[in-house]
PDB file of N, CA and C in Angstrom:
ATOM      1  N   UNK A   1       0.595  -1.532  -0.138  1.00  0.00           N
ATOM      2  CA  UNK A   1      -0.462  -0.145   0.073  1.00  0.00           C
ATOM      3  C   UNK A   1       0.772   0.849   0.151  1.00  0.00           C
ATOM      4  N   UNK A   2       0.448   2.259  -1.185  1.00  0.00           N
ATOM      5  CA  UNK A   2       0.759   3.047  -0.828  1.00  0.00           C
ATOM      6  C   UNK A   2       0.413   4.368  -0.968  1.00  0.00           C
ATOM      7  N   UNK A   3       1.547   5.739   0.269  1.00  0.00           N
ATOM      8  CA  UNK A   3       0.074   6.536   0.788  1.00  0.00           C
ATOM      9  C   UNK A   3       0.323   7.796  -0.358  1.00  0.00           C
ATOM     10  N   UNK A   4       0.008   8.552  -0.031  1.00  0.00           N
ATOM     11  CA  UNK A   4       0.085  10.885  -1.015  1.00  0.00           C
ATOM     12  C   UNK A   4      -1.332  11.530  -0.815  1.00  0.00           C
ATOM     13  N   UNK A   5      -0.505  11.676  -0.268  1.00  0.00           N
ATOM     14  CA  UNK A   5      -1.267  13.127  -0.039  1.00  0.00           C
ATOM     15  C   UNK A   5      -2.572  13.192  -0.176  1.00  0.00           C
ATOM     16  N   UNK A   6      -3.460  12.261   0.578  1.00  0.00           N
ATOM     17  CA  UNK A   6      -4.820  11.928   0.879  1.00  0.00           C
ATOM     18  C   UNK A   6      -4.889  10.926   0.058  1.00  0.00           C
ATOM     19  N   UNK A   7      -4.529  10.281  -1.183  1.00  0.00           N
ATOM     20  CA  UNK A   7      -4.566   9.351  -1.770  1.00  0.00           C
ATOM     21  C   UNK A   7      -3.845   7.929  -1.780  1.00  0.00           C
ATOM     22  N   UNK A   8      -5.123   6.534  -1.690  1.00  0.00           N
ATOM     23  CA  UNK A   8      -4.171   5.574  -1.359  1.00  0.00           C
ATOM     24  C   UNK A   8      -4.046   4.455  -2.215  1.00  0.00           C
ATOM     25  N   UNK A   9      -2.841   4.466  -2.691  1.00  0.00           N
ATOM     26  CA  UNK A   9      -3.124   3.061  -3.744  1.00  0.00           C
ATOM     27  C   UNK A   9      -2.704   1.519  -2.702  1.00  0.00           C
ATOM     28  N   UNK A  10      -3.233   0.907  -3.341  1.00  0.00           N
ATOM     29  CA  UNK A  10      -2.982  -0.686  -3.415  1.00  0.00           C
ATOM     30  C   UNK A  10      -1.432  -1.092  -4.392  1.00  0.00           C
ATOM     31  N   UNK A  11      -1.056  -1.793  -4.605  1.00  0.00           N
ATOM     32  CA  UNK A  11      -0.267  -2.167  -5.466  1.00  0.00           C
ATOM     33  C   UNK A  11       0.676  -3.911  -5.247  1.00  0.00           C
ATOM     34  N   UNK A  12       0.641  -4.770  -5.940  1.00  0.00           N
ATOM     35  CA  UNK A  12       0.414  -6.425  -5.360  1.00  0.00           C
ATOM     36  C   UNK A  12       2.416  -5.957  -6.558  1.00  0.00           C
ATOM     37  N   UNK A  13       3.021  -7.330  -6.912  1.00  0.00           N
ATOM     38  CA  UNK A  13       4.148  -7.847  -6.718  1.00  0.00           C
ATOM     39  C   UNK A  13       4.168  -8.694  -7.565  1.00  0.00           C
ATOM     40  N   UNK A  14       5.083  -8.832  -8.849  1.00  0.00           N
ATOM     41  CA  UNK A  14       5.065 -10.556  -9.688  1.00  0.00           C
ATOM     42  C   UNK A  14       6.515  -9.932  -9.830  1.00  0.00           C
ATOM     43  N   UNK A  15       7.106 -11.260  -9.323  1.00  0.00           N
ATOM     44  CA  UNK A  15       7.929 -11.511 -10.468  1.00  0.00           C
ATOM     45  C   UNK A  15       8.426 -12.415 -11.480  1.00  0.00           C
ATOM     46  N   UNK A  16       8.644 -11.164 -12.567  1.00  0.00           N
ATOM     47  CA  UNK A  16       8.586 -12.408 -14.226  1.00  0.00           C
ATOM     48  C   UNK A  16       9.549 -13.519 -14.505  1.00  0.00           C
ATOM     49  N   UNK A  17       8.703 -14.184 -14.601  1.00  0.00           N
ATOM     50  CA  UNK A  17       9.157 -15.720 -15.002  1.00  0.00           C
ATOM     51  C   UNK A  17       9.460 -15.942 -16.518  1.00  0.00           C
ATOM     52  N   UNK A  18      10.001 -16.695 -16.737  1.00  0.00           N
ATOM     53  CA  UNK A  18      10.165 -17.205 -18.195  1.00  0.00           C
ATOM     54  C   UNK A  18       9.129 -17.379 -19.158  1.00  0.00           C
ATOM     55  N   UNK A  19       8.642 -17.040 -20.256  1.00  0.00           N
ATOM     56  CA  UNK A  19       7.702 -17.387 -21.224  1.00  0.00           C
ATOM     57  C   UNK A  19       7.075 -16.121 -21.073  1.00  0.00           C
ATOM     58  N   UNK A  20       7.022 -14.802 -19.890  1.00  0.00           N
ATOM     59  CA  UNK A  20       6.492 -13.997 -19.376  1.00  0.00           C
ATOM     60  C   UNK A  20       5.912 -11.988 -21.087  1.00  0.00           C
ATOM     61  N   UNK A  21       5.131 -12.824 -20.661  1.00  0.00           N
ATOM     62  CA  UNK A  21       4.790 -11.085 -21.511  1.00  0.00           C
ATOM     63  C   UNK A  21       4.001 -10.554 -20.628  1.00  0.00           C
ATOM     64  N   UNK A  22       4.022  -8.801 -21.173  1.00  0.00           N
ATOM     65  CA  UNK A  22       3.533  -7.769 -20.270  1.00  0.00           C
ATOM     66  C   UNK A  22       1.890  -8.056 -20.132  1.00  0.00           C
ATOM     67  N   UNK A  23       1.688  -8.891 -21.401  1.00  0.00           N
ATOM     68  CA  UNK A  23      -0.071  -9.498 -21.606  1.00  0.00           C
ATOM     69  C   UNK A  23       0.167 -10.447 -21.145  1.00  0.00           C
ATOM     70  N   UNK A  24       0.775 -11.383 -21.054  1.00  0.00           N
ATOM     71  CA  UNK A  24      -0.088 -12.898 -20.459  1.00  0.00           C
ATOM     72  C   UNK A  24       0.065 -11.671 -18.697  1.00  0.00           C
ATOM     73  N   UNK A  25       0.799 -11.496 -18.587  1.00  0.00           N
ATOM     74  CA  UNK A  25       0.649 -10.946 -16.975  1.00  0.00           C
ATOM     75  C   UNK A  25      -0.045 -10.020 -16.158  1.00  0.00           C
ATOM     76  N   UNK A  26      -0.881  -9.198 -17.093  1.00  0.00           N
ATOM     77  CA  UNK A  26      -1.541  -8.835 -17.174  1.00  0.00           C
ATOM     78  C   UNK A  26      -3.756  -9.279 -17.645  1.00  0.00           C
ATOM     79  N   UNK A  27      -3.110 -10.301 -18.233  1.00  0.00           N
ATOM     80  CA  UNK A  27      -4.446 -11.541 -18.548  1.00  0.00           C
ATOM     81  C   UNK A  27      -4.449 -12.187 -17.381  1.00  0.00           C
ATOM     82  N   UNK A  28      -3.045 -12.331 -16.472  1.00  0.00           N
ATOM     83  CA  UNK A  28      -3.023 -12.764 -15.171  1.00  0.00           C
ATOM     84  C   UNK A  28      -3.926 -12.576 -14.031  1.00  0.00           C
ATOM     85  N   UNK A  29      -3.114 -10.937 -14.018  1.00  0.00           N
ATOM     86  CA  UNK A  29      -3.523 -10.979 -12.687  1.00  0.00           C
ATOM     87  C   UNK A  29      -5.280  -9.760 -13.590  1.00  0.00           C
ATOM     88  N   UNK A  30      -5.883  -9.634 -14.999  1.00  0.00           N
ATOM     89  CA  UNK A  30      -6.469  -8.721 -14.663  1.00  0.00           C
ATOM     90  C   UNK A  30      -8.145  -9.303 -15.799  1.00  0.00           C
ATOM     91  N   UNK A  31      -7.243  -9.498 -16.349  1.00  0.00           N
ATOM     92  CA  UNK A  31      -8.483 -11.234 -16.786  1.00  0.00           C
ATOM     93  C   UNK A  31      -8.241 -10.566 -17.917  1.00  0.00           C
ATOM     94  N   UNK A  32      -7.456  -9.515 -18.724  1.00  0.00           N
ATOM     95  CA  UNK A  32      -7.384  -8.586 -19.907  1.00  0.00           C
ATOM     96  C   UNK A  32      -5.895  -8.146 -20.439  1.00  0.00           C
ATOM     97  N   UNK A  33      -4.748  -8.994 -21.118  1.00  0.00           N
ATOM     98  CA  UNK A  33      -4.274  -9.031 -22.052  1.00  0.00           C
ATOM     99  C   UNK A  33      -4.133  -7.302 -22.353  1.00  0.00           C
ATOM    100  N   UNK A  34      -5.348  -6.525 -22.850  1.00  0.00           N
ATOM    101  CA  UNK A  34      -4.662  -5.393 -23.180  1.00  0.00           C
ATOM    102  C   UNK A  34      -4.578  -4.062 -22.429  1.00  0.00           C
ATOM    103  N   UNK A  35      -4.727  -4.372 -21.168  1.00  0.00           N
ATOM    104  CA  UNK A  35      -4.107  -3.610 -19.815  1.00  0.00           C
ATOM    105  C   UNK A  35      -3.017  -3.530 -19.351  1.00  0.00           C
ATOM    106  N   UNK A  36      -1.865  -4.434 -20.248  1.00  0.00           N
ATOM    107  CA  UNK A  36      -0.859  -4.221 -20.204  1.00  0.00           C
ATOM    108  C   UNK A  36      -0.239  -3.107 -19.545  1.00  0.00           C
ATOM    109  N   UNK A  37      -0.933  -1.769 -20.625  1.00  0.00           N
ATOM    110  CA  UNK A  37      -0.146  -0.591 -20.186  1.00  0.00           C
ATOM    111  C   UNK A  37       0.211  -0.177 -18.891  1.00  0.00           C
ATOM    112  N   UNK A  38      -1.191  -0.362 -18.307  1.00  0.00           N
ATOM    113  CA  UNK A  38      -1.193  -0.064 -16.650  1.00  0.00           C
ATOM    114  C   UNK A  38      -0.306   0.160 -16.129  1.00  0.00           C
ATOM    115  N   UNK A  39       0.105  -2.027 -16.569  1.00  0.00           N
ATOM    116  CA  UNK A  39       1.678  -2.207 -15.536  1.00  0.00           C
ATOM    117  C   UNK A  39       3.196  -1.961 -16.397  1.00  0.00           C
ATOM    118  N   UNK A  40       3.178  -1.036 -17.813  1.00  0.00           N
ATOM    119  CA  UNK A  40       4.045  -0.630 -18.301  1.00  0.00           C
ATOM    120  C   UNK A  40       4.573   0.900 -17.144  1.00  0.00           C
ATOM    121  N   UNK A  41       3.252   1.164 -17.173  1.00  0.00           N
ATOM    122  CA  UNK A  41       3.223   3.236 -17.177  1.00  0.00           C
ATOM    123  C   UNK A  41       3.737   2.767 -15.248  1.00  0.00           C
ATOM    124  N   UNK A  42       3.502   0.977 -15.107  1.00  0.00           N
ATOM    125  CA  UNK A  42       3.456   1.344 -13.256  1.00  0.00           C
ATOM    126  C   UNK A  42       5.311   1.205 -13.036  1.00  0.00           C
ATOM    127  N   UNK A  43       5.446   0.669 -14.199  1.00  0.00           N
ATOM    128  CA  UNK A  43       7.613   0.229 -13.691  1.00  0.00           C
ATOM    129  C   UNK A  43       8.223   0.942 -15.178  1.00  0.00           C
ATOM    130  N   UNK A  44       7.949   1.830 -15.442  1.00  0.00           N
ATOM    131  CA  UNK A  44       8.919   2.555 -17.528  1.00  0.00           C
ATOM    132  C   UNK A  44       9.753   3.422 -16.491  1.00  0.00           C
ATOM    133  N   UNK A  45       9.972   3.213 -15.174  1.00  0.00           N
ATOM    134  CA  UNK A  45      12.072   3.535 -14.828  1.00  0.00           C
ATOM    135  C   UNK A  45      12.698   1.764 -14.599  1.00  0.00           C
ATOM    136  N   UNK A  46      12.094   1.541 -15.840  1.00  0.00           N
ATOM    137  CA  UNK A  46      12.687   0.146 -14.560  1.00  0.00           C
ATOM    138  C   UNK A  46      12.422  -0.650 -16.926  1.00  0.00           C
ATOM    139  N   UNK A  47      12.078  -0.624 -16.753  1.00  0.00           N
ATOM    140  CA  UNK A  47      10.733  -1.368 -18.765  1.00  0.00           C
ATOM    141  C   UNK A  47      11.641  -0.289 -19.215  1.00  0.00           C
ATOM    142  N   UNK A  48      12.714  -0.337 -20.855  1.00  0.00           N
ATOM    143  CA  UNK A  48      13.231   0.480 -21.440  1.00  0.00           C
ATOM    144  C   UNK A  48      12.014   0.412 -22.869  1.00  0.00           C
ATOM    145  N   UNK A  49      11.074  -0.825 -22.706  1.00  0.00           N
ATOM    146  CA  UNK A  49      10.259  -0.179 -23.543  1.00  0.00           C
ATOM    147  C   UNK A  49       9.071  -1.763 -22.374  1.00  0.00           C
ATOM    148  N   UNK A  50       7.509  -2.019 -23.958  1.00  0.00           N
ATOM    149  CA  UNK A  50       6.997  -2.653 -23.023  1.00  0.00           C
ATOM    150  C   UNK A  50       7.299  -4.219 -23.922  1.00  0.00           C
ATOM    151  N   UNK A  51       7.978  -4.307 -24.327  1.00  0.00           N
ATOM    152  CA  UNK A  51       8.797  -5.237 -24.802  1.00  0.00           C
ATOM    153  C   UNK A  51       9.160  -6.281 -24.681  1.00  0.00           C
ATOM    154  N   UNK A  52       9.993  -5.074 -23.684  1.00  0.00           N
ATOM    155  CA  UNK A  52      11.443  -5.342 -23.014  1.00  0.00           C
ATOM    156  C   UNK A  52      11.765  -5.720 -21.403  1.00  0.00           C
ATOM    157  N   UNK A  53      10.895  -7.172 -20.595  1.00  0.00           N
ATOM    158  CA  UNK A  53      10.852  -7.878 -19.796  1.00  0.00           C
ATOM    159  C   UNK A  53      12.769  -8.146 -19.632  1.00  0.00           C
ATOM    160  N   UNK A  54      12.351  -9.210 -18.343  1.00  0.00           N
ATOM    161  CA  UNK A  54      13.800  -9.401 -18.543  1.00  0.00           C
ATOM    162  C   UNK A  54      12.903 -10.340 -16.629  1.00  0.00           C
ATOM    163  N   UNK A  55      13.514 -11.931 -17.040  1.00  0.00           N
ATOM    164  CA  UNK A  55      13.489 -13.006 -16.131  1.00  0.00           C
ATOM    165  C   UNK A  55      13.794 -12.197 -14.779  1.00  0.00           C
ATOM    166  N   UNK A  56      13.001 -12.457 -13.450  1.00  0.00           N
ATOM    167  CA  UNK A  56      13.403 -11.880 -12.610  1.00  0.00           C
ATOM    168  C   UNK A  56      13.571 -11.486 -12.763  1.00  0.00           C
ATOM    169  N   UNK A  57      12.890 -10.192 -12.493  1.00  0.00           N
ATOM    170  CA  UNK A  57      12.681  -9.038 -12.476  1.00  0.00           C
ATOM    171  C   UNK A  57      11.567  -8.539 -12.020  1.00  0.00           C
ATOM    172  N   UNK A  58      10.779  -7.602 -11.130  1.00  0.00           N
ATOM    173  CA  UNK A  58      10.446  -7.529 -10.178  1.00  0.00           C
ATOM    174  C   UNK A  58       9.528  -6.523 -10.199  1.00  0.00           C
ATOM    175  N   UNK A  59       8.316  -6.964 -10.849  1.00  0.00           N
ATOM    176  CA  UNK A  59       6.770  -5.226 -11.342  1.00  0.00           C
ATOM    177  C   UNK A  59       6.044  -5.225 -10.272  1.00  0.00           C
ATOM    178  N   UNK A  60       5.671  -3.633  -9.816  1.00  0.00           N
ATOM    179  CA  UNK A  60       4.884  -2.847  -9.210  1.00  0.00           C
ATOM    180  C   UNK A  60       3.380  -4.261 -10.478  1.00  0.00           C
ATOM    181  N   UNK A  61       2.093  -4.568  -9.897  1.00  0.00           N
ATOM    182  CA  UNK A  61       1.428  -4.355 -10.424  1.00  0.00           C
ATOM    183  C   UNK A  61      -0.066  -3.349 -10.331  1.00  0.00           C
ATOM    184  N   UNK A  62      -0.294  -2.780 -10.171  1.00  0.00           N
ATOM    185  CA  UNK A  62      -1.276  -1.511  -9.318  1.00  0.00           C
ATOM    186  C   UNK A  62      -2.820  -2.402  -9.260  1.00  0.00           C
ATOM    187  N   UNK A  63      -3.341  -1.923  -8.643  1.00  0.00           N
ATOM    188  CA  UNK A  63      -4.985  -2.274  -8.925  1.00  0.00           C
ATOM    189  C   UNK A  63      -5.394  -1.310  -9.483  1.00  0.00           C
ATOM    190  N   UNK A  64      -6.099  -2.207 -10.304  1.00  0.00           N
ATOM    191  CA  UNK A  64      -7.237  -1.195 -11.201  1.00  0.00           C
ATOM    192  C   UNK A  64      -8.701  -1.163 -10.346  1.00  0.00           C
ATOM    193  N   UNK A  65      -9.133  -0.493 -10.704  1.00  0.00           N
ATOM    194  CA  UNK A  65     -11.182  -0.308  -9.836  1.00  0.00           C
ATOM    195  C   UNK A  65     -11.658  -1.204 -10.785  1.00  0.00           C
ATOM    196  N   UNK A  66     -12.701  -1.458 -10.571  1.00  0.00           N
ATOM    197  CA  UNK A  66     -13.927  -2.093 -11.030  1.00  0.00           C
ATOM    198  C   UNK A  66     -13.428  -3.862 -11.737  1.00  0.00           C
ATOM    199  N   UNK A  67     -12.142  -4.095 -11.229  1.00  0.00           N
ATOM    200  CA  UNK A  67     -11.448  -5.858 -11.318  1.00  0.00           C
ATOM    201  C   UNK A  67     -11.788  -6.389 -10.563  1.00  0.00           C
TER     202      UNK A  67
END
């Protein structure tokens, strides 16, 4: 849980496994591979691009309301 100036946001974390893609991770957590952009945006400082994840990286998975 992260708190910022009157706002609380919940995050989960996921360690990238062999064969993963942001789309596959989004499907696992949100049921929709198209929501990979939310994961990418939450991890921009770690990822040069949405298709450049590495095994062993620990990604922040933001909660999405309505999921």
